[in-house]
Amino acid sequence: MTKKRKRRKPEQIVRAIQEGEAMLTAGKTLAEVYQVLEITESTWLRWKKQFGGMKSDEAKRLRELEVENQRLKVLLAEAELDKKILKVAAKGNF
């Protein structure tokens, strides 16, 4: 039986990293930290790489910028497609 996957917000991840670091400083092992946070080693390493050293408000802002960036990429792709269609129509090759 597999556990249901938890989706955590960036600010929650930053808090979890801080809790994990505090537990490590208090003498707990990495395995104990993973168990308490209910994560795997790969998740911990990915979080540390992506969010290590951030404050929760910075992580939230990063996520907002990533969403905005994705929206802008979609708009750009649509605009490029429109330009191509207009070029083909202007040439009369349809």
Protein backbone atom coordinates (compact mmCIF):
# COMPACT_ATOMS: atom_id res chain seq x y z
CA MET A 1 0.00 0.00 0.00
CA THR A 2 1.44 3.39 -0.98
CA LYS A 3 1.00 6.58 0.93
CA LYS A 4 -0.83 9.48 -0.62
CA ARG A 5 1.63 12.08 -1.84
CA LYS A 6 1.63 15.41 -0.01
CA ARG A 7 1.99 18.62 -1.97
CA ARG A 8 3.70 21.27 0.09
CA LYS A 9 3.87 24.97 -0.62
CA PRO A 10 7.30 26.60 -0.87
CA GLU A 11 6.92 28.33 2.49
CA GLN A 12 6.03 24.97 4.09
CA ILE A 13 9.12 23.41 2.52
CA VAL A 14 11.34 26.18 3.89
CA ARG A 15 9.85 25.64 7.36
CA ALA A 16 10.40 21.87 7.06
CA ILE A 17 14.04 22.42 6.09
CA GLN A 18 14.51 24.69 9.11
CA GLU A 19 12.89 22.09 11.38
CA GLY A 20 15.07 19.36 9.91
CA GLU A 21 18.23 21.42 10.38
CA ALA A 22 17.23 22.08 14.00
CA MET A 23 16.70 18.36 14.59
CA LEU A 24 20.11 17.57 13.07
CA THR A 25 21.73 20.18 15.31
CA ALA A 26 19.96 18.59 18.30
CA GLY A 27 21.64 15.28 17.48
CA LYS A 28 19.00 13.42 15.49
CA THR A 29 20.07 11.32 12.53
CA LEU A 30 19.06 12.06 8.95
CA ALA A 31 16.86 8.95 8.96
CA GLU A 32 14.97 10.28 11.99
CA VAL A 33 14.53 13.67 10.32
CA TYR A 34 13.14 12.03 7.16
CA GLN A 35 10.73 10.00 9.24
CA VAL A 36 9.47 12.99 11.25
CA LEU A 37 9.05 15.13 8.12
CA GLU A 38 7.55 12.14 6.24
CA ILE A 39 9.87 12.56 3.24
CA THR A 40 12.51 10.55 1.41
CA GLU A 41 16.20 11.26 1.16
CA SER A 42 15.83 12.39 -2.46
CA THR A 43 13.09 14.85 -1.46
CA TRP A 44 15.29 16.27 1.31
CA LEU A 45 18.23 16.71 -1.08
CA ARG A 46 16.05 18.32 -3.76
CA TRP A 47 14.49 20.70 -1.23
CA LYS A 48 17.90 21.65 0.17
CA LYS A 49 19.20 22.33 -3.33
CA GLN A 50 16.17 24.38 -4.38
CA PHE A 51 15.15 26.15 -1.16
CA GLY A 52 18.20 25.90 1.13
CA GLY A 53 18.96 29.24 2.77
CA MET A 54 15.69 30.87 1.72
CA LYS A 55 13.14 32.51 3.94
CA SER A 56 9.51 31.48 3.52
CA ASP A 57 8.48 34.78 1.90
CA GLU A 58 11.32 34.43 -0.63
CA ALA A 59 10.19 30.89 -1.47
CA LYS A 60 6.63 32.07 -1.96
CA ARG A 61 7.81 34.85 -4.26
CA LEU A 62 9.95 32.38 -6.23
CA ARG A 63 6.90 30.18 -6.82
CA GLU A 64 4.82 33.19 -7.92
CA LEU A 65 7.55 34.17 -10.39
CA GLU A 66 7.72 30.62 -11.76
CA VAL A 67 3.96 30.62 -12.37
CA GLU A 68 4.11 34.04 -14.05
CA ASN A 69 7.05 32.92 -16.18
CA GLN A 70 5.10 29.88 -17.39
CA ARG A 71 2.10 32.08 -18.26
CA LEU A 72 4.31 34.43 -20.26
CA LYS A 73 5.92 31.53 -22.14
CA VAL A 74 2.46 30.35 -23.23
CA LEU A 75 1.54 33.86 -24.40
CA LEU A 76 4.79 34.14 -26.37
CA ALA A 77 4.22 30.77 -28.04
CA GLU A 78 0.71 31.82 -29.06
CA ALA A 79 2.01 35.13 -30.46
CA GLU A 80 4.71 33.34 -32.47
CA LEU A 81 2.11 30.95 -33.88
CA ASP A 82 -0.11 33.89 -34.87
CA LYS A 83 2.85 35.53 -36.66
CA LYS A 84 3.55 32.35 -38.62
CA ILE A 85 -0.08 32.03 -39.65
CA LEU A 86 -0.14 35.65 -40.84
CA LYS A 87 3.08 35.17 -42.85
CA VAL A 88 1.65 32.12 -44.61
CA ALA A 89 -1.63 33.91 -45.32
CA ALA A 90 0.22 36.98 -46.67
CA LYS A 91 2.20 34.81 -49.12
CA GLY A 92 -0.99 33.12 -50.33
CA ASN A 93 0.45 29.62 -49.90
CA PHE A 94 -2.60 27.92 -48.47
